[in-house]
Amino acid sequence: MLCLADRGFCGYPNWRKAIESGAQLLWRCKTDWQLPIDRVLQVRVIEYDLPQQSGAQERYRLITTLLDPKKAPALQLATLYRQRWEIESVLDELKTHTLQRRRTLRSKTPDGVEQEFYGWLLMHYATCWLMHQAASAHRLKQRDLSFTGTLHLVRRQQPHSRVFPP
């Protein structure tokens, strides 16, 4: 099991608890942390640069318990961490934009909660599918389109009852 975490969770108490779970760790930490070697610990530091993208910083630092660079190459670990951000973006789209201000589920039973959750996932998928169709039709990159803008467009096109046709 590999536990990935953002730099907001990095710190000895969280690191220790995660290690006790038996997982291998790959966590981002702040690039301005000084990491002097006071004593040898079982940790590996990976630093890399990315070309400047909108809103992204250029330098990244990961710390990991995966010590063997042959079994876990730095490039592979950096790629895994980047994929974590793709998942985080989908969760943000679901929590922040699809749910809007509602943070609780309306359903009162486990089956109802599951059904409501799948409904949100289907809404997310449908919105992304529309974005893909629009991007393909106009030879654009889907990531250049706004999820929020597309979601607002879909909501404006639906009846006020919020009922989708079958």
Protein backbone atom coordinates (compact mmCIF):
# COMPACT_ATOMS: atom_id res chain seq x y z
CA MET A 1 0.00 0.00 0.00
CA LEU A 2 1.28 3.46 -0.89
CA CYS A 3 -0.02 6.48 1.02
CA LEU A 4 0.29 9.80 -0.83
CA ALA A 5 -0.17 13.10 0.99
CA ASP A 6 0.06 16.79 0.26
CA ARG A 7 2.47 19.14 1.98
CA GLY A 8 -0.23 20.29 4.42
CA PHE A 9 -0.09 16.88 6.13
CA CYS A 10 3.67 16.61 6.25
CA GLY A 11 5.08 16.50 9.75
CA TYR A 12 6.50 13.98 12.14
CA PRO A 13 3.27 13.08 14.04
CA ASN A 14 1.35 12.32 10.82
CA TRP A 15 4.36 10.60 9.26
CA ARG A 16 4.77 8.35 12.30
CA LYS A 17 1.07 7.37 12.36
CA ALA A 18 1.13 6.58 8.64
CA ILE A 19 4.26 4.42 9.00
CA GLU A 20 2.60 2.51 11.84
CA SER A 21 -0.21 1.57 9.43
CA GLY A 22 2.30 -0.49 7.44
CA ALA A 23 2.01 1.64 4.30
CA GLN A 24 4.87 2.97 2.23
CA LEU A 25 4.76 6.78 2.12
CA LEU A 26 5.16 9.34 -0.66
CA TRP A 27 4.49 12.80 0.66
CA ARG A 28 5.11 16.25 -0.67
CA CYS A 29 6.88 18.66 1.65
CA LYS A 30 7.73 22.32 1.45
CA THR A 31 10.69 23.11 -0.79
CA ASP A 32 12.10 25.59 1.69
CA TRP A 33 12.43 23.00 4.46
CA GLN A 34 16.00 22.58 5.54
CA LEU A 35 16.77 18.87 5.73
CA PRO A 36 20.13 18.60 7.48
CA ILE A 37 21.37 15.13 8.35
CA ASP A 38 21.48 15.05 12.15
CA ARG A 39 21.22 11.29 12.13
CA VAL A 40 20.45 8.74 9.44
CA LEU A 41 16.74 7.93 9.10
CA GLN A 42 14.94 5.73 6.61
CA VAL A 43 13.72 8.41 4.20
CA ARG A 44 14.51 9.41 0.64
CA VAL A 45 14.15 12.94 -0.73
CA ILE A 46 13.20 13.52 -4.38
CA GLU A 47 13.37 17.01 -5.85
CA TYR A 48 12.27 17.91 -9.36
CA ASP A 49 11.33 20.86 -11.50
CA LEU A 50 8.32 21.27 -13.75
CA PRO A 51 7.89 23.90 -16.44
CA GLN A 52 5.86 26.78 -15.03
CA GLN A 53 2.15 26.20 -15.63
CA SER A 54 -0.73 28.41 -14.62
CA GLY A 55 -0.94 28.40 -10.85
CA ALA A 56 1.73 25.71 -10.44
CA GLN A 57 5.04 26.17 -8.76
CA GLU A 58 8.21 25.20 -10.50
CA ARG A 59 10.08 23.09 -7.90
CA TYR A 60 8.66 20.12 -6.00
CA ARG A 61 10.05 18.05 -3.15
CA LEU A 62 8.78 14.61 -2.19
CA ILE A 63 9.85 12.46 0.74
CA THR A 64 9.33 8.73 0.68
CA THR A 65 9.97 5.51 2.54
CA LEU A 66 10.67 3.80 -0.81
CA LEU A 67 14.44 3.84 -0.55
CA ASP A 68 15.54 1.75 -3.54
CA PRO A 69 15.72 3.95 -6.67
CA LYS A 70 15.79 0.86 -8.88
CA LYS A 71 12.53 -0.53 -7.49
CA ALA A 72 10.88 2.91 -7.26
CA PRO A 73 12.46 5.33 -9.75
CA ALA A 74 12.10 9.03 -8.96
CA LEU A 75 10.32 9.73 -12.26
CA GLN A 76 7.74 7.03 -11.52
CA LEU A 77 7.10 8.45 -8.04
CA ALA A 78 6.79 12.01 -9.37
CA THR A 79 4.30 10.76 -11.97
CA LEU A 80 2.26 9.02 -9.26
CA TYR A 81 2.16 12.21 -7.22
CA ARG A 82 0.95 14.18 -10.27
CA GLN A 83 -1.83 11.62 -10.81
CA ARG A 84 -2.87 12.23 -7.22
CA TRP A 85 -3.57 15.83 -8.20
CA GLU A 86 -5.80 14.70 -11.08
CA ILE A 87 -7.88 12.73 -8.58
CA GLU A 88 -7.90 15.72 -6.23
CA SER A 89 -9.23 17.90 -9.06
CA VAL A 90 -12.13 15.51 -9.68
CA LEU A 91 -12.95 15.50 -5.95
CA ASP A 92 -12.90 19.31 -6.00
CA GLU A 93 -15.26 19.36 -8.97
CA LEU A 94 -17.61 17.00 -7.15
CA LYS A 95 -17.49 18.65 -3.71
CA THR A 96 -17.24 22.31 -4.62
CA HIS A 97 -19.03 22.69 -7.93
CA THR A 98 -21.46 19.81 -8.31
CA LEU A 99 -22.69 19.87 -4.72
CA GLN A 100 -22.53 23.67 -4.53
CA ARG A 101 -23.16 24.71 -0.93
CA ARG A 102 -24.73 21.41 0.16
CA ARG A 103 -22.27 19.36 2.15
CA THR A 104 -24.61 16.64 3.36
CA LEU A 105 -26.50 13.96 1.52
CA ARG A 106 -30.29 14.15 1.54
CA SER A 107 -30.73 10.40 1.71
CA LYS A 108 -31.35 8.77 5.09
CA THR A 109 -30.57 5.14 4.24
CA PRO A 110 -27.35 3.45 3.10
CA ASP A 111 -28.96 2.47 -0.22
CA GLY A 112 -30.19 6.03 -0.73
CA VAL A 113 -26.75 7.49 0.04
CA GLU A 114 -25.18 5.12 -2.46
CA GLN A 115 -27.77 6.04 -5.09
CA GLU A 116 -27.27 9.77 -4.49
CA PHE A 117 -23.49 9.41 -4.66
CA TYR A 118 -23.71 7.52 -7.96
CA GLY A 119 -26.04 10.24 -9.23
CA TRP A 120 -23.35 12.84 -8.51
CA LEU A 121 -20.73 10.71 -10.25
CA LEU A 122 -23.00 10.36 -13.29
CA MET A 123 -23.55 14.13 -13.35
CA HIS A 124 -19.78 14.63 -13.25
CA TYR A 125 -19.24 12.08 -16.01
CA ALA A 126 -21.97 13.65 -18.18
CA THR A 127 -20.46 17.11 -17.74
CA CYS A 128 -16.98 15.82 -18.66
CA TRP A 129 -18.44 13.99 -21.65
CA LEU A 130 -20.05 17.21 -22.88
CA MET A 131 -16.74 19.01 -22.43
CA HIS A 132 -14.99 16.27 -24.42
CA GLN A 133 -17.57 16.51 -27.22
CA ALA A 134 -17.26 20.31 -27.39
CA ALA A 135 -13.47 20.21 -27.31
CA SER A 136 -13.33 17.53 -30.01
CA ALA A 137 -15.75 19.40 -32.26
CA HIS A 138 -13.65 22.58 -32.06
CA ARG A 139 -10.19 20.93 -31.91
CA LEU A 140 -9.51 22.19 -28.40
CA LYS A 141 -7.97 20.53 -25.37
CA GLN A 142 -10.63 19.49 -22.86
CA ARG A 143 -8.55 20.85 -19.98
CA ASP A 144 -8.83 24.32 -21.58
CA LEU A 145 -12.59 24.27 -20.99
CA SER A 146 -14.17 25.22 -17.68
CA PHE A 147 -15.86 22.45 -15.72
CA THR A 148 -17.78 25.03 -13.69
CA GLY A 149 -18.88 26.91 -16.80
CA THR A 150 -20.06 23.71 -18.46
CA LEU A 151 -21.91 22.64 -15.32
CA HIS A 152 -23.70 26.03 -15.12
CA LEU A 153 -24.66 25.70 -18.79
CA VAL A 154 -26.10 22.21 -18.18
CA ARG A 155 -28.06 23.43 -15.15
CA ARG A 156 -29.53 26.37 -17.11
CA GLN A 157 -30.73 23.96 -19.81
CA GLN A 158 -32.51 21.63 -17.39
CA PRO A 159 -36.08 22.16 -16.16
CA HIS A 160 -36.42 23.92 -12.82
CA SER A 161 -37.65 20.67 -11.25
CA ARG A 162 -34.09 19.32 -11.58
CA VAL A 163 -35.51 16.13 -13.06
CA PHE A 164 -33.54 14.64 -15.92
CA PRO A 165 -35.40 12.81 -18.65
CA PRO A 166 -34.70 9.07 -18.77
